[in-house]
Amino acid sequence: MPDFQIRVNATRTGPIRDGRFQRAAHQYSDDMGYAVALHGERLVQQRLRQVLKHPTGYYQSRITVERGRGGAYVVTDGGVVYGPWLEGTGSRNYPATRFHGYSTFRRVKPMVDRDSQRIAMELLRRYQSRGLLR
């Protein structure tokens, strides 16, 4: 058998090799979580405007998007002491009183889940139009 040798010199370049893709994917993931959380905050605010009987503005001013454990974004009422009572999960809700709570966060969550894929796809199109992700 003849003895032969093949030499190949390859140089890898591009967005995966130099880290641009990883940075863009990480940024997209973070932006997507924030966009979905902002959508959730808007829906919570909208629902509170519908259900609160005598709004003072204090509770609504405390609804915000924060970084939770593990770096994920969460919509929170900032730990307002009567937040669980308004939500209906506090110890002073039914049967202690007749008030069952508004279930605002629990009713908004399925709507956010439903809209999250649409939000992610819109954001992905923006990233793709800028050439960051393909």
N, C-alpha and C. Protein backbone atom coordinates (compact mmCIF):
# COMPACT_ATOMS: atom_id res chain seq x y z
N MET A 1 0.83 -1.18 0.00
CA MET A 1 0.00 0.00 0.00
C MET A 1 0.87 1.24 0.00
N PRO A 2 0.43 2.19 -0.77
CA PRO A 2 1.23 3.42 -0.79
C PRO A 2 1.05 4.20 0.50
N ASP A 3 2.08 4.82 0.89
CA ASP A 3 2.06 5.65 2.09
C ASP A 3 1.77 7.10 1.67
N PHE A 4 0.71 7.67 2.21
CA PHE A 4 0.42 9.06 1.88
C PHE A 4 0.02 9.81 3.13
N GLN A 5 0.08 11.12 3.02
CA GLN A 5 -0.16 11.98 4.16
C GLN A 5 -1.05 13.14 3.71
N ILE A 6 -2.01 13.50 4.55
CA ILE A 6 -2.87 14.65 4.26
C ILE A 6 -2.72 15.62 5.42
N ARG A 7 -2.48 16.84 5.10
CA ARG A 7 -2.39 17.89 6.11
C ARG A 7 -3.50 18.91 5.84
N VAL A 8 -4.19 19.23 6.91
CA VAL A 8 -5.25 20.23 6.80
C VAL A 8 -5.01 21.29 7.85
N ASN A 9 -4.96 22.49 7.43
CA ASN A 9 -4.86 23.63 8.35
C ASN A 9 -6.19 24.37 8.27
N ALA A 10 -6.89 24.40 9.36
CA ALA A 10 -8.18 25.09 9.39
C ALA A 10 -8.14 26.16 10.46
N THR A 11 -8.71 27.26 10.11
CA THR A 11 -8.81 28.36 11.06
C THR A 11 -10.29 28.65 11.25
N ARG A 12 -10.70 28.56 12.50
CA ARG A 12 -12.11 28.84 12.79
C ARG A 12 -12.24 30.31 13.14
N THR A 13 -13.16 30.96 12.46
CA THR A 13 -13.45 32.36 12.74
C THR A 13 -14.97 32.52 12.75
N GLY A 14 -15.40 33.64 13.22
CA GLY A 14 -16.83 33.92 13.20
C GLY A 14 -17.39 34.13 14.59
N PRO A 15 -18.69 34.32 14.64
CA PRO A 15 -19.33 34.70 15.91
C PRO A 15 -19.29 33.62 16.99
N ILE A 16 -19.29 32.36 16.60
CA ILE A 16 -19.26 31.31 17.62
C ILE A 16 -17.85 31.22 18.21
N ARG A 17 -16.85 31.31 17.36
CA ARG A 17 -15.47 31.19 17.82
C ARG A 17 -15.05 32.36 18.72
N ASP A 18 -15.42 33.57 18.35
CA ASP A 18 -14.94 34.72 19.13
C ASP A 18 -15.89 35.13 20.27
N GLY A 19 -16.97 34.40 20.45
CA GLY A 19 -17.84 34.65 21.60
C GLY A 19 -18.99 35.60 21.35
N ARG A 20 -19.09 36.17 20.15
CA ARG A 20 -20.19 37.11 19.88
C ARG A 20 -21.55 36.43 19.97
N PHE A 21 -21.63 35.22 19.46
CA PHE A 21 -22.91 34.51 19.50
C PHE A 21 -23.34 34.23 20.93
N GLN A 22 -22.43 33.77 21.77
CA GLN A 22 -22.76 33.47 23.15
C GLN A 22 -23.23 34.72 23.88
N ARG A 23 -22.53 35.84 23.66
CA ARG A 23 -22.94 37.09 24.30
C ARG A 23 -24.31 37.54 23.82
N ALA A 24 -24.57 37.44 22.51
CA ALA A 24 -25.86 37.84 21.96
C ALA A 24 -26.97 36.92 22.47
N ALA A 25 -26.70 35.62 22.56
CA ALA A 25 -27.71 34.69 23.06
C ALA A 25 -28.02 34.95 24.53
N HIS A 26 -26.99 35.24 25.32
CA HIS A 26 -27.20 35.55 26.73
C HIS A 26 -27.98 36.86 26.88
N GLN A 27 -27.62 37.86 26.10
CA GLN A 27 -28.33 39.14 26.15
C GLN A 27 -29.78 38.98 25.71
N TYR A 28 -30.01 38.17 24.67
CA TYR A 28 -31.37 37.91 24.20
C TYR A 28 -32.19 37.25 25.31
N SER A 29 -31.62 36.27 25.96
CA SER A 29 -32.32 35.57 27.04
C SER A 29 -32.69 36.52 28.16
N ASP A 30 -31.76 37.38 28.54
CA ASP A 30 -32.02 38.35 29.60
C ASP A 30 -33.08 39.36 29.17
N ASP A 31 -32.95 39.88 27.95
CA ASP A 31 -33.93 40.85 27.44
C ASP A 31 -35.31 40.23 27.33
N MET A 32 -35.36 38.96 26.92
CA MET A 32 -36.65 38.29 26.79
C MET A 32 -37.32 38.15 28.16
N GLY A 33 -36.57 37.74 29.17
CA GLY A 33 -37.14 37.62 30.51
C GLY A 33 -37.65 38.95 31.02
N TYR A 34 -36.90 40.01 30.75
CA TYR A 34 -37.31 41.35 31.20
C TYR A 34 -38.56 41.82 30.45
N ALA A 35 -38.61 41.58 29.14
CA ALA A 35 -39.77 41.99 28.35
C ALA A 35 -41.04 41.26 28.80
N VAL A 36 -40.93 39.97 29.09
CA VAL A 36 -42.08 39.21 29.56
C VAL A 36 -42.51 39.70 30.94
N ALA A 37 -41.56 40.00 31.80
CA ALA A 37 -41.89 40.52 33.13
C ALA A 37 -42.55 41.89 33.04
N LEU A 38 -42.07 42.75 32.15
CA LEU A 38 -42.71 44.06 31.97
C LEU A 38 -44.15 43.92 31.48
N HIS A 39 -44.37 42.96 30.59
CA HIS A 39 -45.72 42.67 30.12
C HIS A 39 -46.59 42.23 31.30
N GLY A 40 -46.05 41.38 32.15
CA GLY A 40 -46.79 40.95 33.34
C GLY A 40 -47.10 42.10 34.26
N GLU A 41 -46.15 43.01 34.44
CA GLU A 41 -46.39 44.18 35.28
C GLU A 41 -47.52 45.03 34.71
N ARG A 42 -47.52 45.23 33.40
CA ARG A 42 -48.60 46.01 32.77
C ARG A 42 -49.96 45.35 32.99
N LEU A 43 -50.01 44.04 32.85
CA LEU A 43 -51.27 43.33 33.04
C LEU A 43 -51.75 43.40 34.49
N VAL A 44 -50.83 43.31 35.44
CA VAL A 44 -51.19 43.42 36.86
C VAL A 44 -51.75 44.81 37.14
N GLN A 45 -51.07 45.83 36.63
CA GLN A 45 -51.55 47.21 36.83
C GLN A 45 -52.94 47.40 36.22
N GLN A 46 -53.12 46.86 35.03
CA GLN A 46 -54.42 46.97 34.36
C GLN A 46 -55.51 46.29 35.18
N ARG A 47 -55.22 45.11 35.69
CA ARG A 47 -56.20 44.37 36.50
C ARG A 47 -56.50 45.11 37.80
N LEU A 48 -55.48 45.66 38.44
CA LEU A 48 -55.70 46.39 39.69
C LEU A 48 -56.59 47.62 39.46
N ARG A 49 -56.43 48.29 38.31
CA ARG A 49 -57.31 49.43 38.01
C ARG A 49 -58.76 49.00 37.90
N GLN A 50 -58.98 47.76 37.49
CA GLN A 50 -60.34 47.25 37.35
C GLN A 50 -60.96 46.82 38.67
N VAL A 51 -60.16 46.24 39.57
CA VAL A 51 -60.75 45.59 40.74
C VAL A 51 -60.67 46.38 42.04
N LEU A 52 -59.68 47.26 42.19
CA LEU A 52 -59.56 47.97 43.46
C LEU A 52 -60.74 48.93 43.64
N LYS A 53 -61.38 48.82 44.79
CA LYS A 53 -62.56 49.64 45.07
C LYS A 53 -62.19 51.07 45.46
N HIS A 54 -61.21 51.23 46.33
CA HIS A 54 -60.80 52.55 46.80
C HIS A 54 -59.27 52.66 46.72
N PRO A 55 -58.75 52.77 45.50
CA PRO A 55 -57.29 52.79 45.37
C PRO A 55 -56.68 54.08 45.89
N THR A 56 -55.61 53.93 46.65
CA THR A 56 -54.88 55.10 47.14
C THR A 56 -53.66 55.36 46.27
N GLY A 57 -53.28 54.39 45.48
CA GLY A 57 -52.10 54.52 44.63
C GLY A 57 -50.85 53.92 45.24
N TYR A 58 -50.86 53.71 46.56
CA TYR A 58 -49.66 53.19 47.21
C TYR A 58 -49.36 51.77 46.74
N TYR A 59 -50.35 50.90 46.80
CA TYR A 59 -50.11 49.51 46.42
C TYR A 59 -49.68 49.42 44.96
N GLN A 60 -50.37 50.14 44.11
CA GLN A 60 -50.04 50.10 42.69
C GLN A 60 -48.64 50.66 42.42
N SER A 61 -48.20 51.61 43.21
CA SER A 61 -46.87 52.17 43.01
C SER A 61 -45.77 51.18 43.41
N ARG A 62 -46.11 50.17 44.18
CA ARG A 62 -45.13 49.19 44.63
C ARG A 62 -45.00 48.00 43.68
N ILE A 63 -45.90 47.87 42.71
CA ILE A 63 -45.81 46.79 41.74
C ILE A 63 -44.66 47.11 40.80
N THR A 64 -43.69 46.23 40.74
CA THR A 64 -42.50 46.48 39.94
C THR A 64 -41.86 45.17 39.50
N VAL A 65 -40.93 45.29 38.57
CA VAL A 65 -40.15 44.14 38.09
C VAL A 65 -38.81 44.17 38.80
N GLU A 66 -38.43 43.05 39.40
CA GLU A 66 -37.15 42.93 40.10
C GLU A 66 -36.46 41.65 39.67
N ARG A 67 -35.17 41.61 39.93
CA ARG A 67 -34.42 40.36 39.73
C ARG A 67 -34.69 39.46 40.92
N GLY A 68 -35.14 38.26 40.65
CA GLY A 68 -35.39 37.30 41.71
C GLY A 68 -34.20 36.41 41.93
N ARG A 69 -34.43 35.34 42.64
CA ARG A 69 -33.36 34.36 42.87
C ARG A 69 -33.01 33.68 41.56
N GLY A 70 -31.76 33.43 41.39
CA GLY A 70 -31.31 32.78 40.17
C GLY A 70 -31.21 33.74 38.99
N GLY A 71 -31.44 35.02 39.21
CA GLY A 71 -31.28 36.00 38.14
C GLY A 71 -32.51 36.22 37.28
N ALA A 72 -33.58 35.47 37.51
CA ALA A 72 -34.79 35.65 36.71
C ALA A 72 -35.54 36.89 37.16
N TYR A 73 -36.28 37.48 36.26
CA TYR A 73 -37.08 38.64 36.59
C TYR A 73 -38.43 38.20 37.14
N VAL A 74 -38.91 38.92 38.14
CA VAL A 74 -40.20 38.63 38.75
C VAL A 74 -40.99 39.93 38.92
N VAL A 75 -42.30 39.80 38.87
CA VAL A 75 -43.19 40.92 39.15
C VAL A 75 -43.59 40.79 40.61
N THR A 76 -43.40 41.84 41.37
CA THR A 76 -43.63 41.77 42.81
C THR A 76 -44.32 43.03 43.31
N ASP A 77 -44.93 42.90 44.47
CA ASP A 77 -45.52 44.08 45.11
C ASP A 77 -44.56 44.67 46.14
N GLY A 78 -43.33 44.24 46.12
CA GLY A 78 -42.31 44.80 47.01
C GLY A 78 -42.49 44.43 48.46
N GLY A 79 -43.28 43.42 48.75
CA GLY A 79 -43.47 42.99 50.13
C GLY A 79 -44.43 43.85 50.93
N VAL A 80 -45.35 44.53 50.26
CA VAL A 80 -46.36 45.32 50.97
C VAL A 80 -47.09 44.40 51.95
N VAL A 81 -47.24 44.85 53.17
CA VAL A 81 -47.75 43.99 54.23
C VAL A 81 -49.16 43.47 53.95
N TYR A 82 -49.99 44.24 53.27
CA TYR A 82 -51.35 43.77 53.00
C TYR A 82 -51.48 43.16 51.60
N GLY A 83 -50.36 42.93 50.92
CA GLY A 83 -50.37 42.30 49.61
C GLY A 83 -51.01 40.92 49.60
N PRO A 84 -50.64 40.03 50.53
CA PRO A 84 -51.28 38.71 50.56
C PRO A 84 -52.80 38.81 50.80
N TRP A 85 -53.23 39.79 51.57
CA TRP A 85 -54.66 39.95 51.81
C TRP A 85 -55.37 40.36 50.52
N LEU A 86 -54.78 41.30 49.77
CA LEU A 86 -55.38 41.71 48.49
C LEU A 86 -55.38 40.56 47.49
N GLU A 87 -54.34 39.75 47.52
CA GLU A 87 -54.25 38.62 46.60
C GLU A 87 -55.21 37.50 47.01
N GLY A 88 -55.52 37.41 48.29
CA GLY A 88 -56.42 36.36 48.77
C GLY A 88 -55.70 35.17 49.35
N THR A 89 -54.42 35.33 49.64
CA THR A 89 -53.64 34.22 50.18
C THR A 89 -53.27 34.45 51.64
N GLY A 90 -53.72 35.54 52.22
CA GLY A 90 -53.36 35.86 53.60
C GLY A 90 -54.20 35.10 54.61
N SER A 91 -53.73 35.11 55.85
CA SER A 91 -54.44 34.39 56.91
C SER A 91 -55.73 35.11 57.31
N ARG A 92 -55.88 36.36 56.92
CA ARG A 92 -57.07 37.11 57.28
C ARG A 92 -58.13 37.13 56.19
N ASN A 93 -57.94 36.32 55.17
CA ASN A 93 -58.97 36.18 54.14
C ASN A 93 -59.99 35.15 54.58
N TYR A 94 -60.92 34.86 53.71
CA TYR A 94 -61.97 33.90 53.98
C TYR A 94 -61.38 32.62 54.57
N PRO A 95 -61.87 32.03 55.61
CA PRO A 95 -63.13 32.29 56.32
C PRO A 95 -63.03 33.31 57.45
N ALA A 96 -61.86 33.87 57.71
CA ALA A 96 -61.76 34.86 58.79
C ALA A 96 -62.59 36.11 58.47
N THR A 97 -62.60 36.51 57.20
CA THR A 97 -63.46 37.60 56.75
C THR A 97 -64.19 37.15 55.49
N ARG A 98 -65.08 37.97 55.00
CA ARG A 98 -65.82 37.62 53.78
C ARG A 98 -64.98 37.89 52.53
N PHE A 99 -63.90 38.63 52.67
CA PHE A 99 -63.10 39.03 51.51
C PHE A 99 -62.23 37.87 51.02
N HIS A 100 -62.43 37.47 49.78
CA HIS A 100 -61.68 36.36 49.19
C HIS A 100 -60.39 36.81 48.51
N GLY A 101 -60.23 38.11 48.31
CA GLY A 101 -59.05 38.62 47.61
C GLY A 101 -59.34 38.78 46.13
N TYR A 102 -58.48 39.51 45.45
CA TYR A 102 -58.69 39.78 44.03
C TYR A 102 -57.99 38.78 43.12
N SER A 103 -57.08 38.01 43.63
CA SER A 103 -56.34 37.00 42.85
C SER A 103 -55.67 37.60 41.62
N THR A 104 -55.19 38.81 41.74
CA THR A 104 -54.64 39.52 40.59
C THR A 104 -53.46 38.79 39.97
N PHE A 105 -52.46 38.47 40.76
CA PHE A 105 -51.27 37.81 40.22
C PHE A 105 -51.60 36.43 39.68
N ARG A 106 -52.47 35.71 40.38
CA ARG A 106 -52.83 34.36 39.93
C ARG A 106 -53.64 34.39 38.64
N ARG A 107 -54.42 35.42 38.42
CA ARG A 107 -55.21 35.51 37.18
C ARG A 107 -54.38 36.02 36.01
N VAL A 108 -53.37 36.81 36.30
CA VAL A 108 -52.54 37.37 35.25
C VAL A 108 -51.52 36.36 34.74
N LYS A 109 -51.06 35.46 35.59
CA LYS A 109 -50.01 34.51 35.20
C LYS A 109 -50.34 33.71 33.93
N PRO A 110 -51.56 33.13 33.80
CA PRO A 110 -51.84 32.41 32.55
C PRO A 110 -51.81 33.32 31.31
N MET A 111 -52.19 34.57 31.47
CA MET A 111 -52.14 35.50 30.34
C MET A 111 -50.69 35.79 29.94
N VAL A 112 -49.82 35.92 30.93
CA VAL A 112 -48.40 36.16 30.64
C VAL A 112 -47.81 34.91 29.97
N ASP A 113 -48.15 33.74 30.49
CA ASP A 113 -47.66 32.50 29.88
C ASP A 113 -48.11 32.41 28.42
N ARG A 114 -49.36 32.78 28.16
CA ARG A 114 -49.91 32.72 26.81
C ARG A 114 -49.17 33.67 25.86
N ASP A 115 -48.82 34.87 26.34
CA ASP A 115 -48.22 35.89 25.50
C ASP A 115 -46.70 35.81 25.42
N SER A 116 -46.08 35.00 26.25
CA SER A 116 -44.61 34.99 26.34
C SER A 116 -43.95 34.54 25.04
N GLN A 117 -44.53 33.57 24.35
CA GLN A 117 -43.91 33.10 23.10
C GLN A 117 -43.97 34.20 22.04
N ARG A 118 -45.07 34.92 21.96
CA ARG A 118 -45.19 36.02 21.00
C ARG A 118 -44.15 37.10 21.30
N ILE A 119 -43.98 37.43 22.57
CA ILE A 119 -43.00 38.44 22.97
C ILE A 119 -41.59 37.98 22.62
N ALA A 120 -41.29 36.72 22.88
CA ALA A 120 -39.96 36.18 22.57
C ALA A 120 -39.68 36.21 21.07
N MET A 121 -40.68 35.88 20.27
CA MET A 121 -40.48 35.87 18.81
C MET A 121 -40.30 37.29 18.27
N GLU A 122 -41.04 38.26 18.80
CA GLU A 122 -40.87 39.65 18.37
C GLU A 122 -39.47 40.15 18.70
N LEU A 123 -39.01 39.83 19.89
CA LEU A 123 -37.66 40.23 20.29
C LEU A 123 -36.61 39.52 19.45
N LEU A 124 -36.82 38.25 19.13
CA LEU A 124 -35.88 37.51 18.30
C LEU A 124 -35.78 38.14 16.92
N ARG A 125 -36.90 38.57 16.36
CA ARG A 125 -36.87 39.23 15.05
C ARG A 125 -36.05 40.52 15.10
N ARG A 126 -36.17 41.26 16.20
CA ARG A 126 -35.37 42.48 16.34
C ARG A 126 -33.88 42.15 16.41
N TYR A 127 -33.54 41.10 17.15
CA TYR A 127 -32.14 40.69 17.24
C TYR A 127 -31.63 40.24 15.87
N GLN A 128 -32.45 39.49 15.14
CA GLN A 128 -32.04 39.01 13.84
C GLN A 128 -31.88 40.15 12.85
N SER A 129 -32.74 41.17 12.94
CA SER A 129 -32.64 42.29 12.00
C SER A 129 -31.36 43.09 12.24
N ARG A 130 -30.85 43.06 13.45
CA ARG A 130 -29.60 43.74 13.75
C ARG A 130 -28.39 42.84 13.48
N GLY A 131 -28.64 41.61 13.06
CA GLY A 131 -27.56 40.69 12.74
C GLY A 131 -26.92 40.04 13.94
N LEU A 132 -27.58 40.08 15.10
CA LEU A 132 -26.98 39.51 16.30
C LEU A 132 -27.20 38.01 16.41
N LEU A 133 -28.36 37.54 16.02
CA LEU A 133 -28.66 36.11 16.05
C LEU A 133 -29.24 35.72 14.68
N ARG A 134 -28.93 34.54 14.25
CA ARG A 134 -29.45 34.08 12.96
C ARG A 134 -30.20 32.80 13.13
